[in-house]
N, C-alpha and C. Protein backbone atom coordinates (compact mmCIF):
# COMPACT_ATOMS: atom_id res chain seq x y z
N MET A 1 -12.80 45.17 -7.06
CA MET A 1 -14.22 45.36 -7.12
C MET A 1 -14.48 46.77 -7.63
N ARG A 2 -15.43 46.95 -8.45
CA ARG A 2 -15.74 48.24 -9.05
C ARG A 2 -16.61 49.06 -8.10
N ILE A 3 -16.25 50.34 -7.94
CA ILE A 3 -17.00 51.25 -7.07
C ILE A 3 -17.59 52.35 -7.94
N ASP A 4 -18.86 52.63 -7.71
CA ASP A 4 -19.54 53.69 -8.45
C ASP A 4 -19.02 55.03 -7.96
N SER A 5 -18.45 55.82 -8.87
CA SER A 5 -17.82 57.08 -8.48
C SER A 5 -18.84 58.13 -8.05
N ARG A 6 -20.07 58.03 -8.49
CA ARG A 6 -21.07 59.03 -8.13
C ARG A 6 -21.57 58.84 -6.70
N SER A 7 -21.84 57.59 -6.31
CA SER A 7 -22.44 57.38 -4.99
C SER A 7 -21.42 56.87 -3.96
N GLY A 8 -20.27 56.38 -4.41
CA GLY A 8 -19.26 55.86 -3.50
C GLY A 8 -19.55 54.46 -2.99
N THR A 9 -20.57 53.79 -3.55
CA THR A 9 -20.90 52.43 -3.13
C THR A 9 -20.57 51.47 -4.27
N SER A 10 -20.50 50.23 -3.94
CA SER A 10 -20.20 49.25 -4.98
C SER A 10 -21.40 49.06 -5.88
N GLY A 11 -21.08 48.79 -7.16
CA GLY A 11 -22.12 48.66 -8.18
C GLY A 11 -22.73 47.27 -8.18
N ALA A 12 -22.46 46.54 -9.23
CA ALA A 12 -23.10 45.25 -9.45
C ALA A 12 -22.58 44.17 -8.51
N GLY A 13 -21.48 44.39 -7.82
CA GLY A 13 -21.00 43.41 -6.85
C GLY A 13 -20.19 42.30 -7.46
N GLY A 14 -19.43 42.56 -8.49
CA GLY A 14 -18.61 41.53 -9.11
C GLY A 14 -17.14 41.90 -9.08
N PHE A 15 -16.31 40.99 -9.60
CA PHE A 15 -14.89 41.23 -9.69
C PHE A 15 -14.53 41.62 -11.11
N THR A 16 -13.52 42.42 -11.25
CA THR A 16 -13.08 42.81 -12.59
C THR A 16 -12.24 41.69 -13.17
N LEU A 17 -12.04 41.75 -14.46
CA LEU A 17 -11.24 40.75 -15.15
C LEU A 17 -9.79 40.80 -14.66
N VAL A 18 -9.29 41.95 -14.37
CA VAL A 18 -7.91 42.09 -13.88
C VAL A 18 -7.76 41.41 -12.52
N GLU A 19 -8.72 41.58 -11.64
CA GLU A 19 -8.66 40.95 -10.32
C GLU A 19 -8.68 39.42 -10.45
N LEU A 20 -9.53 38.91 -11.31
CA LEU A 20 -9.60 37.47 -11.52
C LEU A 20 -8.29 36.94 -12.11
N MET A 21 -7.69 37.68 -13.02
CA MET A 21 -6.43 37.26 -13.64
C MET A 21 -5.30 37.24 -12.60
N VAL A 22 -5.27 38.21 -11.72
CA VAL A 22 -4.24 38.25 -10.68
C VAL A 22 -4.37 37.03 -9.76
N VAL A 23 -5.57 36.70 -9.38
CA VAL A 23 -5.80 35.53 -8.53
C VAL A 23 -5.38 34.25 -9.25
N MET A 24 -5.70 34.13 -10.53
CA MET A 24 -5.32 32.95 -11.31
C MET A 24 -3.80 32.82 -11.40
N VAL A 25 -3.12 33.93 -11.60
CA VAL A 25 -1.65 33.91 -11.67
C VAL A 25 -1.07 33.49 -10.34
N LEU A 26 -1.59 33.99 -9.24
CA LEU A 26 -1.10 33.61 -7.91
C LEU A 26 -1.32 32.12 -7.64
N ILE A 27 -2.47 31.60 -8.00
CA ILE A 27 -2.75 30.17 -7.82
C ILE A 27 -1.78 29.34 -8.66
N THR A 28 -1.51 29.76 -9.88
CA THR A 28 -0.59 29.04 -10.75
C THR A 28 0.81 29.03 -10.18
N ILE A 29 1.27 30.15 -9.64
CA ILE A 29 2.61 30.22 -9.07
C ILE A 29 2.74 29.32 -7.84
N VAL A 30 1.75 29.37 -6.96
CA VAL A 30 1.79 28.52 -5.76
C VAL A 30 1.76 27.04 -6.14
N THR A 31 0.94 26.69 -7.10
CA THR A 31 0.87 25.30 -7.56
C THR A 31 2.18 24.86 -8.19
N ALA A 32 2.79 25.72 -8.99
CA ALA A 32 4.04 25.38 -9.66
C ALA A 32 5.15 25.09 -8.65
N PHE A 33 5.17 25.81 -7.54
CA PHE A 33 6.20 25.59 -6.53
C PHE A 33 5.90 24.40 -5.62
N SER A 34 4.66 24.10 -5.38
CA SER A 34 4.32 23.02 -4.44
C SER A 34 4.17 21.66 -5.11
N LEU A 35 3.84 21.60 -6.37
CA LEU A 35 3.59 20.33 -7.05
C LEU A 35 4.80 19.40 -7.05
N PRO A 36 6.02 19.85 -7.34
CA PRO A 36 7.16 18.92 -7.29
C PRO A 36 7.36 18.30 -5.91
N ALA A 37 7.17 19.06 -4.86
CA ALA A 37 7.33 18.52 -3.51
C ALA A 37 6.26 17.47 -3.22
N ILE A 38 5.05 17.73 -3.63
CA ILE A 38 3.96 16.77 -3.41
C ILE A 38 4.22 15.50 -4.22
N ARG A 39 4.62 15.66 -5.47
CA ARG A 39 4.86 14.51 -6.33
C ARG A 39 6.00 13.65 -5.80
N SER A 40 7.09 14.29 -5.36
CA SER A 40 8.22 13.51 -4.88
C SER A 40 7.89 12.77 -3.59
N SER A 41 7.09 13.36 -2.72
CA SER A 41 6.73 12.67 -1.48
C SER A 41 5.77 11.52 -1.74
N MET A 42 4.95 11.61 -2.78
CA MET A 42 4.00 10.53 -3.07
C MET A 42 4.65 9.37 -3.80
N PHE A 43 5.56 9.66 -4.74
CA PHE A 43 6.06 8.61 -5.61
C PHE A 43 7.48 8.18 -5.32
N SER A 44 8.25 8.97 -4.59
CA SER A 44 9.63 8.56 -4.34
C SER A 44 9.78 7.83 -3.01
N ASP A 45 8.76 7.80 -2.19
CA ASP A 45 8.84 7.08 -0.94
C ASP A 45 8.68 5.59 -1.24
N GLN A 46 9.81 4.91 -1.31
CA GLN A 46 9.81 3.50 -1.70
C GLN A 46 9.06 2.61 -0.71
N LEU A 47 9.11 2.96 0.57
CA LEU A 47 8.42 2.15 1.56
C LEU A 47 6.91 2.19 1.34
N ARG A 48 6.36 3.36 1.13
CA ARG A 48 4.91 3.48 0.89
C ARG A 48 4.52 2.87 -0.46
N ALA A 49 5.33 3.08 -1.48
CA ALA A 49 5.04 2.50 -2.80
C ALA A 49 5.07 0.98 -2.73
N THR A 50 6.04 0.41 -2.02
CA THR A 50 6.11 -1.04 -1.87
C THR A 50 4.92 -1.55 -1.08
N THR A 51 4.52 -0.81 -0.06
CA THR A 51 3.34 -1.20 0.73
C THR A 51 2.11 -1.27 -0.15
N ARG A 52 1.91 -0.25 -1.00
CA ARG A 52 0.75 -0.25 -1.90
C ARG A 52 0.80 -1.43 -2.88
N ARG A 53 1.97 -1.71 -3.41
CA ARG A 53 2.09 -2.83 -4.36
C ARG A 53 1.85 -4.17 -3.66
N LEU A 54 2.32 -4.30 -2.43
CA LEU A 54 2.12 -5.54 -1.69
C LEU A 54 0.65 -5.72 -1.31
N ILE A 55 -0.03 -4.65 -0.97
CA ILE A 55 -1.48 -4.72 -0.70
C ILE A 55 -2.21 -5.20 -1.95
N GLY A 56 -1.81 -4.70 -3.11
CA GLY A 56 -2.42 -5.15 -4.36
C GLY A 56 -2.19 -6.63 -4.61
N LEU A 57 -0.99 -7.12 -4.30
CA LEU A 57 -0.69 -8.55 -4.49
C LEU A 57 -1.48 -9.40 -3.50
N ILE A 58 -1.65 -8.93 -2.28
CA ILE A 58 -2.45 -9.65 -1.29
C ILE A 58 -3.91 -9.73 -1.74
N SER A 59 -4.43 -8.63 -2.23
CA SER A 59 -5.79 -8.61 -2.74
C SER A 59 -5.94 -9.55 -3.93
N GLU A 60 -4.95 -9.54 -4.80
CA GLU A 60 -4.96 -10.44 -5.96
C GLU A 60 -4.95 -11.90 -5.52
N ALA A 61 -4.17 -12.23 -4.50
CA ALA A 61 -4.11 -13.61 -4.01
C ALA A 61 -5.46 -14.06 -3.48
N SER A 62 -6.12 -13.21 -2.72
CA SER A 62 -7.43 -13.54 -2.17
C SER A 62 -8.47 -13.71 -3.27
N GLN A 63 -8.52 -12.75 -4.18
CA GLN A 63 -9.49 -12.81 -5.27
C GLN A 63 -9.21 -13.97 -6.21
N ASP A 64 -7.94 -14.29 -6.41
CA ASP A 64 -7.57 -15.40 -7.27
C ASP A 64 -8.03 -16.72 -6.68
N ALA A 65 -7.86 -16.89 -5.37
CA ALA A 65 -8.30 -18.12 -4.71
C ALA A 65 -9.81 -18.29 -4.82
N VAL A 66 -10.54 -17.22 -4.65
CA VAL A 66 -12.00 -17.28 -4.74
C VAL A 66 -12.44 -17.54 -6.18
N GLY A 67 -11.83 -16.81 -7.10
CA GLY A 67 -12.24 -16.94 -8.51
C GLY A 67 -11.92 -18.28 -9.12
N ARG A 68 -10.82 -18.89 -8.73
CA ARG A 68 -10.41 -20.17 -9.31
C ARG A 68 -10.86 -21.36 -8.46
N HIS A 69 -11.41 -21.09 -7.27
CA HIS A 69 -11.91 -22.13 -6.35
C HIS A 69 -10.81 -23.09 -5.92
N ILE A 70 -9.58 -22.61 -5.85
CA ILE A 70 -8.48 -23.40 -5.32
C ILE A 70 -7.63 -22.49 -4.43
N PRO A 71 -7.03 -23.05 -3.40
CA PRO A 71 -6.20 -22.22 -2.52
C PRO A 71 -5.01 -21.61 -3.27
N SER A 72 -4.64 -20.43 -2.86
CA SER A 72 -3.45 -19.77 -3.40
C SER A 72 -2.47 -19.55 -2.26
N GLN A 73 -1.23 -19.41 -2.63
CA GLN A 73 -0.19 -19.21 -1.62
C GLN A 73 0.67 -18.01 -1.99
N LEU A 74 0.84 -17.14 -1.03
CA LEU A 74 1.72 -15.98 -1.20
C LEU A 74 3.04 -16.33 -0.51
N ASN A 75 4.12 -16.30 -1.28
CA ASN A 75 5.43 -16.71 -0.78
C ASN A 75 6.33 -15.50 -0.61
N PHE A 76 7.05 -15.46 0.48
CA PHE A 76 7.99 -14.37 0.78
C PHE A 76 9.39 -14.96 0.89
N ASP A 77 10.27 -14.66 -0.05
CA ASP A 77 11.67 -15.04 0.06
C ASP A 77 12.38 -13.88 0.76
N LEU A 78 12.62 -14.03 2.05
CA LEU A 78 13.15 -12.94 2.85
C LEU A 78 14.62 -12.66 2.56
N GLU A 79 15.32 -13.61 1.97
CA GLU A 79 16.73 -13.41 1.63
C GLU A 79 16.88 -12.71 0.28
N GLN A 80 16.06 -13.08 -0.71
CA GLN A 80 16.14 -12.51 -2.05
C GLN A 80 15.26 -11.28 -2.24
N ASN A 81 14.41 -10.99 -1.24
CA ASN A 81 13.52 -9.82 -1.28
C ASN A 81 12.50 -9.91 -2.42
N ILE A 82 11.91 -11.09 -2.57
CA ILE A 82 10.94 -11.35 -3.62
C ILE A 82 9.66 -11.90 -2.99
N VAL A 83 8.52 -11.48 -3.51
CA VAL A 83 7.22 -11.99 -3.09
C VAL A 83 6.52 -12.49 -4.34
N TRP A 84 5.95 -13.70 -4.28
CA TRP A 84 5.26 -14.22 -5.45
C TRP A 84 4.04 -15.04 -5.05
N LEU A 85 3.13 -15.14 -5.98
CA LEU A 85 1.88 -15.88 -5.81
C LEU A 85 1.98 -17.18 -6.57
N SER A 86 1.60 -18.27 -5.92
CA SER A 86 1.64 -19.57 -6.58
C SER A 86 0.40 -20.38 -6.21
N ASP A 87 0.18 -21.44 -6.96
CA ASP A 87 -0.92 -22.36 -6.68
C ASP A 87 -0.50 -23.29 -5.55
N VAL A 88 -1.48 -23.77 -4.82
CA VAL A 88 -1.25 -24.80 -3.82
C VAL A 88 -1.80 -26.09 -4.42
N SER A 89 -0.93 -27.07 -4.50
CA SER A 89 -1.33 -28.31 -5.12
C SER A 89 -0.66 -29.48 -4.42
N ASP A 90 -1.33 -30.61 -4.42
CA ASP A 90 -0.74 -31.82 -3.85
C ASP A 90 0.10 -32.55 -4.88
N GLN A 91 0.09 -32.08 -6.11
CA GLN A 91 0.83 -32.74 -7.18
C GLN A 91 2.33 -32.43 -7.05
N PRO A 92 3.18 -33.46 -7.04
CA PRO A 92 4.62 -33.20 -6.89
C PRO A 92 5.22 -32.48 -8.10
N ASP A 93 4.65 -32.65 -9.28
CA ASP A 93 5.20 -31.99 -10.47
C ASP A 93 4.90 -30.49 -10.48
N ASN A 94 4.04 -30.02 -9.59
CA ASN A 94 3.70 -28.60 -9.53
C ASN A 94 4.62 -27.84 -8.57
N ALA A 95 5.54 -28.55 -7.91
CA ALA A 95 6.40 -27.91 -6.92
C ALA A 95 7.34 -26.88 -7.55
N ASN A 96 7.74 -27.10 -8.78
CA ASN A 96 8.66 -26.18 -9.46
C ASN A 96 7.95 -25.33 -10.50
N ALA A 97 6.64 -25.19 -10.37
CA ALA A 97 5.89 -24.37 -11.32
C ALA A 97 6.31 -22.90 -11.17
N PRO A 98 6.33 -22.16 -12.28
CA PRO A 98 6.72 -20.74 -12.18
C PRO A 98 5.66 -19.93 -11.45
N PRO A 99 6.07 -18.87 -10.79
CA PRO A 99 5.10 -18.03 -10.08
C PRO A 99 4.17 -17.33 -11.06
N ARG A 100 2.93 -17.13 -10.63
CA ARG A 100 1.97 -16.45 -11.49
C ARG A 100 2.14 -14.94 -11.42
N TYR A 101 2.35 -14.42 -10.25
CA TYR A 101 2.60 -12.99 -10.06
C TYR A 101 3.82 -12.87 -9.17
N GLN A 102 4.72 -11.96 -9.52
CA GLN A 102 5.93 -11.80 -8.74
C GLN A 102 6.20 -10.32 -8.49
N LEU A 103 6.62 -10.02 -7.29
CA LEU A 103 6.96 -8.66 -6.90
C LEU A 103 8.38 -8.66 -6.35
N VAL A 104 9.28 -7.96 -7.04
CA VAL A 104 10.65 -7.81 -6.57
C VAL A 104 10.70 -6.48 -5.82
N LEU A 105 11.02 -6.55 -4.55
CA LEU A 105 11.06 -5.35 -3.73
C LEU A 105 12.32 -4.53 -4.03
N PRO A 106 12.23 -3.21 -3.93
CA PRO A 106 13.42 -2.39 -4.17
C PRO A 106 14.50 -2.66 -3.11
N ASP A 107 15.74 -2.32 -3.44
CA ASP A 107 16.85 -2.58 -2.52
C ASP A 107 16.71 -1.84 -1.19
N SER A 108 16.00 -0.72 -1.20
CA SER A 108 15.90 0.10 0.01
C SER A 108 14.79 -0.36 0.94
N VAL A 109 14.00 -1.37 0.54
CA VAL A 109 12.88 -1.87 1.36
C VAL A 109 12.96 -3.40 1.40
N TRP A 110 12.69 -3.97 2.56
CA TRP A 110 12.66 -5.42 2.66
C TRP A 110 11.59 -5.86 3.66
N VAL A 111 11.22 -7.13 3.54
CA VAL A 111 10.28 -7.72 4.49
C VAL A 111 11.09 -8.15 5.71
N ALA A 112 10.85 -7.51 6.83
CA ALA A 112 11.59 -7.83 8.06
C ALA A 112 11.16 -9.19 8.60
N ASP A 113 9.85 -9.42 8.65
CA ASP A 113 9.33 -10.72 9.08
C ASP A 113 7.85 -10.80 8.72
N VAL A 114 7.34 -12.03 8.79
CA VAL A 114 5.92 -12.31 8.58
C VAL A 114 5.45 -13.08 9.80
N ALA A 115 4.47 -12.53 10.51
CA ALA A 115 3.96 -13.16 11.72
C ALA A 115 2.51 -13.55 11.51
N THR A 116 2.20 -14.83 11.76
CA THR A 116 0.82 -15.30 11.65
C THR A 116 0.37 -15.82 13.01
N ALA A 117 -0.93 -15.82 13.21
CA ALA A 117 -1.49 -16.24 14.50
C ALA A 117 -1.19 -17.70 14.81
N HIS A 118 -1.19 -18.55 13.80
CA HIS A 118 -0.99 -19.98 14.04
C HIS A 118 0.38 -20.47 13.59
N GLY A 119 1.06 -19.73 12.73
CA GLY A 119 2.35 -20.19 12.22
C GLY A 119 3.55 -19.54 12.86
N GLY A 120 3.33 -18.57 13.73
CA GLY A 120 4.44 -17.91 14.39
C GLY A 120 5.09 -16.85 13.49
N LYS A 121 6.28 -16.44 13.90
CA LYS A 121 7.00 -15.38 13.19
C LYS A 121 8.16 -15.99 12.41
N VAL A 122 8.24 -15.61 11.12
CA VAL A 122 9.33 -16.06 10.26
C VAL A 122 10.14 -14.84 9.86
N GLY A 123 11.42 -14.84 10.20
CA GLY A 123 12.29 -13.70 9.89
C GLY A 123 13.42 -14.04 8.96
N GLN A 124 13.55 -15.32 8.58
CA GLN A 124 14.60 -15.76 7.66
C GLN A 124 14.04 -16.83 6.75
N GLY A 125 14.66 -16.97 5.59
CA GLY A 125 14.26 -18.02 4.66
C GLY A 125 13.00 -17.64 3.90
N THR A 126 12.04 -18.55 3.87
CA THR A 126 10.81 -18.35 3.10
C THR A 126 9.61 -18.43 4.02
N ALA A 127 8.74 -17.45 3.93
CA ALA A 127 7.47 -17.47 4.66
C ALA A 127 6.36 -17.71 3.65
N LYS A 128 5.37 -18.50 4.05
CA LYS A 128 4.26 -18.83 3.16
C LYS A 128 2.96 -18.43 3.81
N LEU A 129 2.10 -17.82 3.01
CA LEU A 129 0.81 -17.35 3.49
C LEU A 129 -0.26 -17.99 2.62
N LEU A 130 -1.10 -18.82 3.22
CA LEU A 130 -2.10 -19.58 2.48
C LEU A 130 -3.45 -18.86 2.47
N PHE A 131 -4.04 -18.73 1.28
CA PHE A 131 -5.39 -18.20 1.11
C PHE A 131 -6.29 -19.35 0.73
N SER A 132 -7.36 -19.57 1.50
CA SER A 132 -8.27 -20.68 1.22
C SER A 132 -9.05 -20.39 -0.06
N ASN A 133 -9.76 -21.40 -0.54
CA ASN A 133 -10.55 -21.20 -1.77
C ASN A 133 -11.72 -20.25 -1.56
N LYS A 134 -11.95 -19.84 -0.33
CA LYS A 134 -12.95 -18.81 -0.04
C LYS A 134 -12.30 -17.44 0.17
N GLY A 135 -10.98 -17.37 0.03
CA GLY A 135 -10.26 -16.12 0.18
C GLY A 135 -9.84 -15.80 1.60
N TYR A 136 -10.09 -16.73 2.54
CA TYR A 136 -9.72 -16.50 3.92
C TYR A 136 -8.22 -16.69 4.11
N VAL A 137 -7.68 -15.96 5.06
CA VAL A 137 -6.25 -16.06 5.38
C VAL A 137 -6.11 -16.00 6.89
N ASP A 138 -5.07 -16.61 7.40
CA ASP A 138 -4.78 -16.55 8.83
C ASP A 138 -4.46 -15.11 9.21
N ARG A 139 -4.77 -14.73 10.44
CA ARG A 139 -4.44 -13.38 10.89
C ARG A 139 -2.93 -13.19 10.78
N THR A 140 -2.52 -12.23 9.98
CA THR A 140 -1.12 -12.09 9.61
C THR A 140 -0.67 -10.64 9.69
N PHE A 141 0.55 -10.44 10.16
CA PHE A 141 1.20 -9.13 10.14
C PHE A 141 2.46 -9.25 9.31
N ILE A 142 2.57 -8.42 8.31
CA ILE A 142 3.76 -8.38 7.45
C ILE A 142 4.49 -7.08 7.80
N HIS A 143 5.73 -7.22 8.22
CA HIS A 143 6.51 -6.06 8.65
C HIS A 143 7.52 -5.69 7.57
N LEU A 144 7.41 -4.47 7.07
CA LEU A 144 8.34 -3.94 6.08
C LEU A 144 9.26 -2.94 6.77
N ARG A 145 10.50 -2.89 6.30
CA ARG A 145 11.47 -1.94 6.85
C ARG A 145 12.25 -1.30 5.70
N SER A 146 12.54 -0.02 5.86
CA SER A 146 13.33 0.67 4.85
C SER A 146 14.73 0.92 5.38
N ASP A 147 15.65 1.25 4.48
CA ASP A 147 17.04 1.44 4.89
C ASP A 147 17.24 2.70 5.72
N ASP A 148 16.24 3.58 5.78
CA ASP A 148 16.35 4.75 6.65
C ASP A 148 15.76 4.49 8.04
N GLY A 149 15.42 3.23 8.35
CA GLY A 149 14.96 2.86 9.69
C GLY A 149 13.47 2.91 9.92
N ARG A 150 12.68 3.32 8.91
CA ARG A 150 11.23 3.38 9.09
C ARG A 150 10.63 1.99 8.93
N ASN A 151 9.48 1.77 9.59
CA ASN A 151 8.77 0.49 9.53
C ASN A 151 7.33 0.71 9.10
N MET A 152 6.77 -0.29 8.47
CA MET A 152 5.34 -0.34 8.13
C MET A 152 4.86 -1.74 8.47
N THR A 153 3.64 -1.82 8.96
CA THR A 153 3.04 -3.11 9.26
C THR A 153 1.76 -3.25 8.47
N LEU A 154 1.65 -4.33 7.71
CA LEU A 154 0.41 -4.67 7.01
C LEU A 154 -0.30 -5.71 7.86
N MET A 155 -1.53 -5.41 8.27
CA MET A 155 -2.30 -6.28 9.15
C MET A 155 -3.46 -6.88 8.36
N LEU A 156 -3.40 -8.20 8.14
CA LEU A 156 -4.42 -8.90 7.37
C LEU A 156 -5.46 -9.50 8.30
N SER A 157 -6.71 -9.27 7.98
CA SER A 157 -7.81 -9.81 8.75
C SER A 157 -8.20 -11.18 8.19
N PRO A 158 -8.54 -12.13 9.05
CA PRO A 158 -8.82 -13.49 8.57
C PRO A 158 -10.02 -13.62 7.64
N PHE A 159 -11.14 -13.00 7.97
CA PHE A 159 -12.36 -13.29 7.24
C PHE A 159 -12.86 -12.17 6.35
N ILE A 160 -12.33 -11.01 6.52
CA ILE A 160 -12.77 -9.90 5.68
C ILE A 160 -11.59 -9.41 4.85
N ALA A 161 -11.88 -8.93 3.70
CA ALA A 161 -10.83 -8.49 2.77
C ALA A 161 -10.35 -7.09 3.13
N VAL A 162 -9.78 -6.98 4.33
CA VAL A 162 -9.29 -5.69 4.80
C VAL A 162 -7.83 -5.84 5.17
N THR A 163 -7.02 -4.94 4.67
CA THR A 163 -5.62 -4.88 5.06
C THR A 163 -5.40 -3.51 5.67
N ARG A 164 -5.14 -3.47 6.97
CA ARG A 164 -4.82 -2.21 7.64
C ARG A 164 -3.33 -1.99 7.58
N VAL A 165 -2.93 -0.72 7.58
CA VAL A 165 -1.52 -0.38 7.53
C VAL A 165 -1.19 0.53 8.70
N ALA A 166 -0.09 0.24 9.37
CA ALA A 166 0.40 1.09 10.46
C ALA A 166 1.79 1.59 10.07
N ASP A 167 2.09 2.84 10.42
CA ASP A 167 3.38 3.43 10.12
C ASP A 167 4.43 3.09 11.15
N SER A 168 4.33 1.93 11.74
CA SER A 168 5.29 1.50 12.75
C SER A 168 5.29 -0.03 12.80
N TYR A 169 6.18 -0.57 13.60
CA TYR A 169 6.23 -2.02 13.81
C TYR A 169 5.22 -2.37 14.88
N VAL A 170 4.20 -3.14 14.52
CA VAL A 170 3.15 -3.53 15.45
C VAL A 170 3.23 -5.03 15.67
N GLU A 171 3.32 -5.43 16.92
CA GLU A 171 3.36 -6.86 17.25
C GLU A 171 1.98 -7.47 17.04
N LEU A 172 1.95 -8.73 16.76
CA LEU A 172 0.70 -9.44 16.48
C LEU A 172 -0.23 -9.47 17.69
N ASP A 173 0.31 -9.52 18.88
CA ASP A 173 -0.53 -9.69 20.06
C ASP A 173 -0.80 -8.42 20.86
N THR A 174 -0.58 -7.24 20.30
CA THR A 174 -0.83 -6.00 21.02
C THR A 174 -2.26 -5.53 20.84
N GLU A 175 -2.70 -4.67 21.75
CA GLU A 175 -4.07 -4.13 21.69
C GLU A 175 -4.28 -3.27 20.44
N SER A 176 -3.24 -2.58 20.01
CA SER A 176 -3.39 -1.71 18.83
C SER A 176 -3.56 -2.50 17.54
N SER A 177 -3.37 -3.81 17.63
CA SER A 177 -3.48 -4.64 16.43
C SER A 177 -4.85 -5.28 16.29
N ARG A 178 -5.80 -4.95 17.15
CA ARG A 178 -7.15 -5.52 17.06
C ARG A 178 -7.91 -4.88 15.89
N PHE A 179 -8.71 -5.71 15.24
CA PHE A 179 -9.52 -5.20 14.11
C PHE A 179 -10.85 -4.73 14.59
């Protein structure tokens, strides 16, 4: 800050160009050192990235069922670590139809189990999650686990398009799982 040499008080009350440049350099240095750590924590955490991608697929399944006016089914192959969206049809020739959207989970993350209010808990084989033509889904908890022992729970609400996420394994019937 500039000080008037005659009176000993500050003049116009501004900062000099040198002071502003020093602050800018300090901000740049701090940002340069912190940005890689922030970026790696946001994008290298496979469990969180998989959770975000799975939330997107769940949203797509609900919107697809509403938009096409036919039920959609989200399938979880718990052995192959694959999640895909398919049509629900009574036609036998549609049983082997290719998936419309498919998500292959990384090797370090897997679906531990899928628990629904009316269908119970499925921890092996294939779990199926049905979205009605209005986009409704049974109350469902999808449990993800990473190879470092961390868990995430995706909690699907039946009538509203809300997916809550918990950074732990939450049972379907606990108080913390209420919407």
